[in-house]
Amino acid sequence: QTAFERRAKGLPDIPLSEVFDSAVECGCRSCKIAKLSTLERQILHCASKRAWQICADFSQLSFLSEASWLDEDANFLQEKQSSAGREPVAQQEEEEPAMDRIVVNGYDSFLIDYLKAGIASRVKTNVIVKRIQSVPGGCVVSTSDDEHFEADYVVVTLPLGVLKGTCPKSRVTFDPALSKEKTEAIETFGMGAENKVTLRFDPADVFWPQKYHNNNPYFLSTDLRFRFLSLHHYGHAGVLVVHGQPPFSWNWGGLSDAELVSEVCKCLAGMMGLKETPKLLHSHVTRWDKDPFSMGSYSYYAPGSDEGTVLALALCEGLEGEKRVHFAGEACSIEGHQCVHGAYDTGKLAAGSIISRVTGGTDKGPPLVGYGSPADRTYFVECTTCKEWIEVETDRQGLVDIRNEDNWACKPCKALAQQ
């Protein structure tokens, strides 16, 4: 409710950290707890990192966007509880919230081989695109090797971190320049870093727990830098994956690979009451935030960004009236945000949008509705008469106009007032 009111009044977004700290103090007062101990605060912040701070620190996350997700979850649970005991509806499947799944054997056989089947010989890898130019009736893609590829359309799936253009090696120039709306979306949306360390021990030396709550093989410590996932549980004997927590995961606090692995092993030994961990057979460290062709792991809602920002990231670009440059990727997805299926789905949507443009042999122009279009979106606005929160479909300027009205009323209330 606080988030809805804040958005409706046009108040600026704030970092989630401010709300969390305030809620902790409120909880302590209501429970008559004078002060949390250092250990209690460590446990609390450790749990909050597991819940929210996967690729960005609390201070970088949008309060309004996180509140929207929580409200959706609450509405789903409320509907599920209210529907309990009802007669089942024929041919109707119950929708469940999307859940994370772990791909334990890599993406090659699972997805990549499937996608490149039949076209592998036409796929160019290790080619650095430097410029995407829109010309009448098509596009020209230029590379660092001064190669030029002509195309009717282009689908850009660059990570948000690369689109931000902070790394000269991977920076791509668009001609004409990207629209103001997309440029602002790229600048506003956050790109996070969830780096990992993979450790492999002799299976006979596994020293971490083998039984887990709800069969979920994650475990945490009060060291806020790390959380752990046992791949031993999934059949990869002796393998443990260490997830780095922000802000430490950005460049791993300046540590080298060897220094980082040593810190992780010290943490594990302390957690399990050991003098030291068993002999390590192999380790691997990721540094997605330093990879010039990634510049982060995946995106997140930073303060000031919302679903409208995501829609702007998906907008088609190029010459006015043609806009043959389409975009896809996890940052362009609302339902699959931060996930592989978000990248996959938006890729299919972008391709489908191009196919629909050329059905019949003549380009029908950029999409006016659906994926990649400058579509209006839904906002919640409080009616000053009935005090109900009403869904309103409008563009951003329309929302500003509504907020500037002192006595905005919903359609039913307006109708009653005119009788």
Protein backbone atom coordinates (compact mmCIF):
# COMPACT_ATOMS: atom_id res chain seq x y z
CA GLN A 1 0.00 0.00 0.00
CA THR A 2 2.83 2.39 0.83
CA ALA A 3 4.43 1.67 -2.54
CA PHE A 4 1.17 2.29 -4.42
CA GLU A 5 0.65 5.59 -2.59
CA ARG A 6 4.21 6.66 -3.24
CA ARG A 7 3.93 5.89 -6.96
CA ALA A 8 0.48 7.51 -7.31
CA LYS A 9 1.67 10.73 -5.65
CA GLY A 10 4.65 10.92 -7.98
CA LEU A 11 7.13 10.64 -5.13
CA PRO A 12 10.60 9.46 -6.13
CA ASP A 13 11.64 5.85 -5.76
CA ILE A 14 13.97 4.99 -2.88
CA PRO A 15 16.51 2.20 -2.28
CA LEU A 16 15.12 -0.98 -0.72
CA SER A 17 17.77 -0.69 2.02
CA GLU A 18 15.99 2.32 3.55
CA VAL A 19 12.71 0.40 3.82
CA PHE A 20 14.40 -2.73 5.16
CA ASP A 21 16.27 -0.86 7.90
CA SER A 22 13.09 0.98 8.88
CA ALA A 23 11.13 -2.30 8.98
CA VAL A 24 13.73 -3.93 11.21
CA GLU A 25 13.53 -1.07 13.72
CA CYS A 26 9.71 -1.16 13.60
CA GLY A 27 9.76 -4.92 14.19
CA CYS A 28 12.07 -4.54 17.16
CA ARG A 29 9.81 -1.93 18.73
CA SER A 30 6.64 -3.98 18.20
CA CYS A 31 8.32 -7.04 19.76
CA LYS A 32 9.77 -4.93 22.57
CA ILE A 33 13.33 -5.83 21.63
CA ALA A 34 15.69 -3.14 22.81
CA LYS A 35 18.53 -4.04 20.44
CA LEU A 36 19.57 -6.86 18.14
CA SER A 37 22.89 -8.50 18.89
CA THR A 38 25.69 -8.40 16.33
CA LEU A 39 25.09 -12.08 15.51
CA GLU A 40 21.33 -11.54 15.14
CA ARG A 41 21.93 -8.68 12.72
CA GLN A 42 24.39 -10.81 10.75
CA ILE A 43 21.82 -13.61 10.46
CA LEU A 44 19.10 -11.16 9.46
CA HIS A 45 21.22 -9.54 6.75
CA CYS A 46 22.42 -12.95 5.58
CA ALA A 47 18.80 -14.03 5.07
CA SER A 48 17.96 -10.78 3.29
CA LYS A 49 20.86 -11.26 0.90
CA ARG A 50 19.60 -14.75 0.06
CA ALA A 51 16.11 -13.37 -0.57
CA TRP A 52 16.85 -10.18 -2.50
CA GLN A 53 20.48 -9.21 -2.91
CA ILE A 54 21.43 -11.80 -5.52
CA CYS A 55 23.26 -9.55 -7.97
CA ALA A 56 23.02 -6.09 -6.39
CA ASP A 57 23.22 -4.61 -2.91
CA PHE A 58 20.08 -3.43 -1.05
CA SER A 59 21.19 0.16 -1.59
CA GLN A 60 20.95 -0.35 -5.38
CA LEU A 61 17.53 -2.06 -5.54
CA SER A 62 14.23 -0.30 -6.29
CA PHE A 63 11.75 -0.29 -3.41
CA LEU A 64 8.75 0.32 -5.67
CA SER A 65 9.57 -2.51 -8.05
CA GLU A 66 10.28 -5.02 -5.27
CA ALA A 67 7.00 -4.05 -3.61
CA SER A 68 5.16 -4.71 -6.88
CA TRP A 69 6.53 -8.27 -7.05
CA LEU A 70 5.59 -8.93 -3.41
CA ASP A 71 2.09 -7.61 -4.07
CA GLU A 72 1.69 -9.99 -7.03
CA ASP A 73 2.79 -12.93 -4.86
CA ALA A 74 0.37 -11.89 -2.11
CA ASN A 75 -2.51 -11.61 -4.60
CA PHE A 76 -1.73 -15.08 -5.94
CA LEU A 77 -1.73 -16.60 -2.45
CA GLN A 78 -4.93 -14.77 -1.52
CA GLU A 79 -6.68 -16.03 -4.66
CA LYS A 80 -5.42 -19.56 -4.01
CA GLN A 81 -6.74 -19.48 -0.44
CA SER A 82 -10.11 -18.01 -1.44
CA SER A 83 -10.55 -20.63 -4.17
CA ALA A 84 -9.90 -23.52 -1.78
CA GLY A 85 -12.94 -25.74 -1.61
CA ARG A 86 -14.46 -24.52 -4.86
CA GLU A 87 -15.57 -27.01 -7.46
CA PRO A 88 -12.78 -27.56 -9.99
CA VAL A 89 -13.37 -26.01 -13.41
CA ALA A 90 -13.13 -28.45 -16.32
CA GLN A 91 -10.19 -28.03 -18.71
CA GLN A 92 -8.63 -25.38 -16.46
CA GLU A 93 -5.09 -25.76 -15.19
CA GLU A 94 -4.01 -23.99 -12.04
CA GLU A 95 -1.30 -21.43 -12.68
CA GLU A 96 1.65 -21.53 -10.32
CA PRO A 97 4.25 -18.78 -9.91
CA ALA A 98 7.39 -19.31 -11.99
CA MET A 99 10.10 -21.11 -10.03
CA ASP A 100 13.84 -21.31 -10.58
CA ARG A 101 15.24 -24.54 -11.96
CA ILE A 102 18.88 -25.66 -11.91
CA VAL A 103 20.51 -26.84 -15.14
CA VAL A 104 23.14 -29.17 -13.70
CA ASN A 105 24.83 -30.38 -16.90
CA GLY A 106 25.37 -27.08 -18.70
CA TYR A 107 23.47 -25.42 -21.52
CA ASP A 108 25.22 -27.01 -24.51
CA SER A 109 23.11 -30.14 -24.87
CA PHE A 110 20.14 -28.60 -23.09
CA LEU A 111 19.65 -25.51 -25.27
CA ILE A 112 22.56 -24.34 -27.43
CA ASP A 113 22.89 -27.47 -29.57
CA TYR A 114 19.12 -27.40 -30.11
CA LEU A 115 19.16 -23.76 -31.23
CA LYS A 116 22.05 -24.09 -33.68
CA ALA A 117 20.85 -27.36 -35.25
CA GLY A 118 20.85 -26.93 -39.04
CA ILE A 119 22.44 -23.47 -38.97
CA ALA A 120 25.77 -24.08 -37.20
CA SER A 121 27.79 -23.48 -40.38
CA ARG A 122 26.21 -20.03 -40.73
CA VAL A 123 26.85 -18.90 -37.16
CA LYS A 124 29.89 -16.62 -36.78
CA THR A 125 31.59 -16.61 -33.39
CA ASN A 126 34.52 -14.55 -32.06
CA VAL A 127 33.41 -11.63 -34.24
CA ILE A 128 33.16 -8.23 -32.53
CA VAL A 129 30.32 -6.03 -33.77
CA LYS A 130 31.20 -2.33 -33.55
CA ARG A 131 28.44 -0.55 -35.49
CA ILE A 132 24.80 -1.10 -36.48
CA GLN A 133 23.64 1.30 -39.17
CA SER A 134 20.06 1.62 -40.37
CA VAL A 135 19.69 2.43 -44.05
CA PRO A 136 16.52 2.70 -46.16
CA GLY A 137 15.12 -0.80 -46.49
CA GLY A 138 17.71 -2.54 -44.30
CA CYS A 139 20.68 -2.49 -41.94
CA VAL A 140 24.47 -2.79 -42.14
CA VAL A 141 26.38 -4.51 -39.32
CA SER A 142 30.10 -3.65 -39.18
CA THR A 143 32.79 -5.53 -37.21
CA SER A 144 36.16 -4.71 -35.69
CA ASP A 145 37.79 -6.55 -38.64
CA ASP A 146 36.12 -4.08 -41.02
CA GLU A 147 33.66 -6.67 -42.30
CA HIS A 148 30.20 -5.45 -43.29
CA PHE A 149 27.05 -7.57 -43.27
CA GLU A 150 23.86 -6.36 -44.94
CA ALA A 151 20.52 -7.46 -43.52
CA ASP A 152 16.85 -6.65 -43.81
CA TYR A 153 16.53 -6.66 -40.00
CA VAL A 154 18.78 -7.00 -36.95
CA VAL A 155 17.98 -8.55 -33.57
CA VAL A 156 20.28 -7.12 -30.89
CA THR A 157 20.76 -9.44 -27.91
CA LEU A 158 23.67 -7.62 -26.29
CA PRO A 159 23.70 -7.77 -22.46
CA LEU A 160 22.60 -4.57 -20.75
CA GLY A 161 26.14 -4.14 -19.40
CA VAL A 162 27.47 -3.96 -22.97
CA LEU A 163 24.68 -1.62 -24.10
CA LYS A 164 25.78 0.79 -21.35
CA GLY A 165 28.92 1.28 -23.43
CA THR A 166 31.44 1.57 -20.58
CA CYS A 167 33.97 -0.80 -22.18
CA PRO A 168 35.62 0.46 -25.42
CA LYS A 169 36.38 -3.10 -26.60
CA SER A 170 32.71 -4.12 -26.75
CA ARG A 171 31.02 -0.74 -27.26
CA VAL A 172 28.56 -0.70 -30.18
CA THR A 173 27.59 2.46 -32.06
CA PHE A 174 24.06 2.81 -33.44
CA ASP A 175 23.32 4.99 -36.46
CA PRO A 176 20.96 6.74 -36.06
CA ALA A 177 21.56 7.03 -32.31
CA LEU A 178 19.20 5.18 -29.99
CA SER A 179 16.05 7.03 -28.96
CA LYS A 180 16.00 9.14 -25.82
CA GLU A 181 13.58 6.70 -24.19
CA LYS A 182 15.82 3.69 -24.78
CA THR A 183 18.97 5.57 -23.80
CA GLU A 184 17.38 6.62 -20.50
CA ALA A 185 16.22 3.04 -19.89
CA ILE A 186 19.75 1.70 -20.49
CA GLU A 187 21.18 4.28 -18.08
CA THR A 188 18.50 3.74 -15.40
CA PHE A 189 18.27 -0.06 -15.32
CA GLY A 190 20.96 -1.75 -13.23
CA MET A 191 23.44 -4.44 -14.27
CA GLY A 192 24.51 -6.69 -11.42
CA ALA A 193 27.28 -9.16 -10.69
CA GLU A 194 26.59 -12.62 -9.31
CA ASN A 195 29.98 -14.25 -9.64
CA LYS A 196 30.72 -17.81 -8.58
CA VAL A 197 33.55 -20.04 -7.43
CA THR A 198 33.35 -23.76 -8.25
CA LEU A 199 35.24 -26.09 -5.90
CA ARG A 200 35.84 -29.79 -6.48
CA PHE A 201 36.94 -32.10 -3.66
CA ASP A 202 37.45 -35.84 -3.55
CA PRO A 203 33.95 -37.33 -3.14
CA ALA A 204 35.25 -39.30 -0.16
CA ASP A 205 36.16 -35.99 1.54
CA VAL A 206 32.76 -34.26 1.34
CA PHE A 207 32.52 -32.36 4.62
CA TRP A 208 29.39 -30.23 4.23
CA PRO A 209 25.83 -31.27 5.24
CA GLN A 210 24.03 -33.89 3.15
CA LYS A 211 20.52 -33.31 4.53
CA TYR A 212 18.69 -30.07 3.77
CA HIS A 213 15.48 -28.33 4.72
CA ASN A 214 12.82 -28.98 2.04
CA ASN A 215 15.49 -30.86 0.08
CA ASN A 216 17.01 -27.47 -0.88
CA PRO A 217 20.83 -27.87 -0.95
CA TYR A 218 21.66 -24.23 -0.22
CA PHE A 219 23.39 -23.28 2.98
CA LEU A 220 24.55 -19.95 4.36
CA SER A 221 26.97 -18.54 6.87
CA THR A 222 27.15 -15.25 8.73
CA ASP A 223 29.96 -14.27 6.36
CA LEU A 224 27.95 -11.94 4.12
CA ARG A 225 30.31 -12.45 1.19
CA PHE A 226 29.29 -16.03 0.35
CA ARG A 227 26.41 -18.48 0.03
CA PHE A 228 26.74 -22.11 -1.02
CA LEU A 229 25.05 -24.65 -3.28
CA SER A 230 25.91 -28.35 -3.15
CA LEU A 231 26.11 -29.85 -6.65
CA HIS A 232 27.10 -33.10 -4.90
CA HIS A 233 23.37 -33.28 -4.11
CA TYR A 234 22.62 -33.27 -7.87
CA GLY A 235 25.09 -36.00 -8.79
CA HIS A 236 28.27 -33.98 -9.34
CA ALA A 237 30.31 -35.76 -6.72
CA GLY A 238 32.45 -33.55 -4.50
CA VAL A 239 31.43 -30.29 -6.20
CA LEU A 240 30.41 -27.16 -4.31
CA VAL A 241 29.40 -23.85 -5.92
CA VAL A 242 30.05 -20.64 -4.02
CA HIS A 243 27.89 -17.62 -4.93
CA GLY A 244 29.48 -14.24 -4.32
CA GLN A 245 27.27 -11.66 -2.63
CA PRO A 246 27.29 -8.00 -3.69
CA PRO A 247 29.03 -5.66 -3.25
CA PHE A 248 31.93 -8.08 -2.63
CA SER A 249 31.16 -10.00 -5.83
CA TRP A 250 32.14 -6.97 -7.89
CA ASN A 251 35.76 -7.81 -8.79
CA TRP A 252 35.83 -10.08 -5.72
CA GLY A 253 37.03 -7.25 -3.52
CA GLY A 254 40.26 -6.98 -5.53
CA LEU A 255 41.39 -10.51 -4.58
CA SER A 256 43.23 -12.79 -7.01
CA ASP A 257 41.74 -16.19 -7.83
CA ALA A 258 44.11 -17.92 -5.41
CA GLU A 259 43.41 -15.43 -2.61
CA LEU A 260 39.66 -15.74 -3.16
CA VAL A 261 39.69 -19.56 -3.06
CA SER A 262 41.72 -19.37 0.16
CA GLU A 263 39.12 -17.03 1.72
CA VAL A 264 36.28 -19.33 0.70
CA CYS A 265 38.00 -22.39 2.19
CA LYS A 266 38.66 -20.51 5.44
CA CYS A 267 34.97 -19.59 5.61
CA LEU A 268 33.91 -23.21 5.00
CA ALA A 269 36.32 -24.56 7.58
CA GLY A 270 34.99 -22.11 10.17
CA MET A 271 31.37 -23.03 9.38
CA MET A 272 32.02 -26.77 9.76
CA GLY A 273 34.30 -26.54 12.80
CA LEU A 274 37.38 -27.74 10.92
CA LYS A 275 40.97 -26.59 11.21
CA GLU A 276 41.10 -26.56 7.42
CA THR A 277 39.15 -28.02 4.49
CA PRO A 278 40.27 -31.24 2.77
CA LYS A 279 42.60 -31.01 -0.22
CA LEU A 280 41.05 -29.14 -3.13
CA LEU A 281 41.27 -30.92 -6.49
CA HIS A 282 40.12 -28.09 -8.74
CA SER A 283 38.66 -24.58 -8.63
CA HIS A 284 37.22 -22.13 -11.15
CA VAL A 285 36.38 -18.42 -10.62
CA THR A 286 33.99 -16.34 -12.75
CA ARG A 287 34.39 -12.58 -13.21
CA TRP A 288 31.37 -11.58 -15.30
CA ASP A 289 31.67 -7.93 -14.33
CA LYS A 290 35.15 -7.81 -15.92
CA ASP A 291 34.19 -9.71 -19.08
CA PRO A 292 34.05 -7.02 -21.83
CA PHE A 293 31.29 -8.92 -23.66
CA SER A 294 29.07 -9.23 -20.60
CA MET A 295 29.97 -6.44 -18.15
CA GLY A 296 27.89 -8.08 -15.44
CA SER A 297 25.81 -11.19 -14.86
CA TYR A 298 22.23 -9.95 -15.36
CA SER A 299 20.07 -6.87 -14.87
CA TYR A 300 18.07 -5.62 -11.89
CA TYR A 301 15.48 -2.95 -11.08
CA ALA A 302 17.46 0.04 -9.81
CA PRO A 303 15.69 2.94 -8.06
CA GLY A 304 13.72 4.90 -10.65
CA SER A 305 13.14 1.92 -12.95
CA ASP A 306 9.94 -0.09 -13.42
CA GLU A 307 8.19 -2.26 -15.99
CA GLY A 308 8.02 0.75 -18.29
CA THR A 309 11.83 0.75 -18.31
CA VAL A 310 11.81 -2.87 -19.48
CA LEU A 311 9.33 -2.06 -22.26
CA ALA A 312 11.60 0.80 -23.37
CA LEU A 313 14.57 -1.59 -23.53
CA ALA A 314 12.54 -3.78 -25.91
CA LEU A 315 11.57 -0.92 -28.26
CA CYS A 316 12.53 -1.21 -31.94
CA GLU A 317 15.04 1.36 -33.19
CA GLY A 318 16.33 2.72 -36.49
CA LEU A 319 15.07 5.05 -39.20
CA GLU A 320 11.78 6.77 -38.51
CA GLY A 321 8.92 4.77 -40.00
CA GLU A 322 11.07 1.65 -40.51
CA LYS A 323 12.74 0.80 -37.18
CA ARG A 324 14.30 -2.47 -38.36
CA VAL A 325 16.56 -2.95 -35.32
CA HIS A 326 14.83 -5.23 -32.81
CA PHE A 327 16.01 -6.04 -29.27
CA ALA A 328 15.84 -9.12 -27.03
CA GLY A 329 17.43 -10.47 -23.85
CA GLU A 330 16.63 -11.06 -20.18
CA ALA A 331 16.62 -7.30 -19.52
CA CYS A 332 13.83 -6.94 -22.12
CA SER A 333 11.60 -9.46 -20.34
CA ILE A 334 9.14 -8.76 -17.53
CA GLU A 335 8.05 -12.33 -16.79
CA GLY A 336 11.51 -13.88 -17.37
CA HIS A 337 13.64 -11.09 -15.99
CA GLN A 338 17.17 -12.20 -14.93
CA CYS A 339 16.57 -15.68 -16.35
CA VAL A 340 17.56 -17.71 -19.40
CA HIS A 341 13.93 -18.31 -20.34
CA GLY A 342 13.45 -14.51 -20.43
CA ALA A 343 16.22 -14.21 -23.01
CA TYR A 344 14.83 -17.19 -24.94
CA ASP A 345 11.23 -15.93 -24.94
CA THR A 346 12.10 -12.38 -26.01
CA GLY A 347 14.30 -13.75 -28.78
CA LYS A 348 11.33 -15.71 -30.11
CA LEU A 349 9.07 -12.67 -29.74
CA ALA A 350 11.50 -10.45 -31.66
CA ALA A 351 11.80 -13.04 -34.42
CA GLY A 352 8.02 -13.45 -34.53
CA SER A 353 7.62 -9.68 -34.76
CA ILE A 354 9.90 -9.61 -37.83
CA ILE A 355 8.05 -12.52 -39.44
CA SER A 356 4.71 -10.76 -38.94
CA ARG A 357 6.16 -7.63 -40.57
CA VAL A 358 7.01 -9.41 -43.81
CA THR A 359 4.05 -11.79 -44.11
CA GLY A 360 2.81 -11.31 -47.66
CA GLY A 361 6.19 -10.15 -48.95
CA THR A 362 5.88 -6.46 -48.02
CA ASP A 363 7.21 -4.87 -44.85
CA LYS A 364 4.30 -3.58 -42.77
CA GLY A 365 6.49 -1.41 -40.57
CA PRO A 366 7.44 -1.65 -36.88
CA PRO A 367 5.00 -3.27 -34.42
CA LEU A 368 2.28 -0.96 -33.14
CA VAL A 369 1.14 -3.37 -30.44
CA GLY A 370 2.81 -6.21 -28.58
CA TYR A 371 6.50 -6.90 -28.09
CA GLY A 372 8.83 -4.13 -29.27
CA SER A 373 6.03 -1.57 -29.70
CA PRO A 374 5.71 1.77 -27.88
CA ALA A 375 2.70 0.32 -26.05
CA ASP A 376 0.92 2.05 -23.20
CA ARG A 377 1.11 0.34 -19.84
CA THR A 378 -1.07 -0.14 -16.79
CA TYR A 379 -0.68 2.02 -13.69
CA PHE A 380 -2.50 1.97 -10.34
CA VAL A 381 -4.11 5.29 -9.38
CA GLU A 382 -6.13 6.03 -6.23
CA CYS A 383 -9.61 7.46 -6.84
CA THR A 384 -10.10 10.51 -4.59
CA THR A 385 -13.83 9.70 -4.27
CA CYS A 386 -14.12 5.97 -3.51
CA LYS A 387 -10.49 5.62 -2.31
CA GLU A 388 -10.07 2.46 -4.39
CA TRP A 389 -6.92 1.74 -6.38
CA ILE A 390 -7.87 1.61 -10.06
CA GLU A 391 -5.96 0.12 -12.99
CA VAL A 392 -5.49 2.79 -15.66
CA GLU A 393 -3.99 2.20 -19.10
CA THR A 394 -2.09 5.28 -20.23
CA ASP A 395 1.33 6.50 -21.30
CA ARG A 396 3.73 8.26 -18.96
CA GLN A 397 2.51 11.74 -19.88
CA GLY A 398 -1.05 10.62 -19.21
CA LEU A 399 0.03 9.46 -15.76
CA VAL A 400 1.65 12.83 -15.06
CA ASP A 401 -1.59 14.58 -16.07
CA ILE A 402 -3.60 12.36 -13.71
CA ARG A 403 -1.23 13.05 -10.83
CA ASN A 404 -1.59 16.79 -11.42
CA GLU A 405 -5.37 16.54 -10.94
CA ASP A 406 -6.44 17.45 -7.42
CA ASN A 407 -9.65 15.40 -7.53
CA TRP A 408 -9.08 12.58 -10.01
CA ALA A 409 -11.98 10.11 -9.99
CA CYS A 410 -12.53 6.72 -11.60
CA LYS A 411 -15.16 6.28 -14.34
CA PRO A 412 -17.93 4.91 -12.03
CA CYS A 413 -17.45 7.78 -9.60
CA LYS A 414 -17.47 10.32 -12.44
CA ALA A 415 -20.70 8.80 -13.75
CA LEU A 416 -22.34 9.05 -10.31
CA ALA A 417 -21.24 12.67 -9.97
CA GLN A 418 -22.87 13.56 -13.30
CA GLN A 419 -26.27 12.08 -12.39
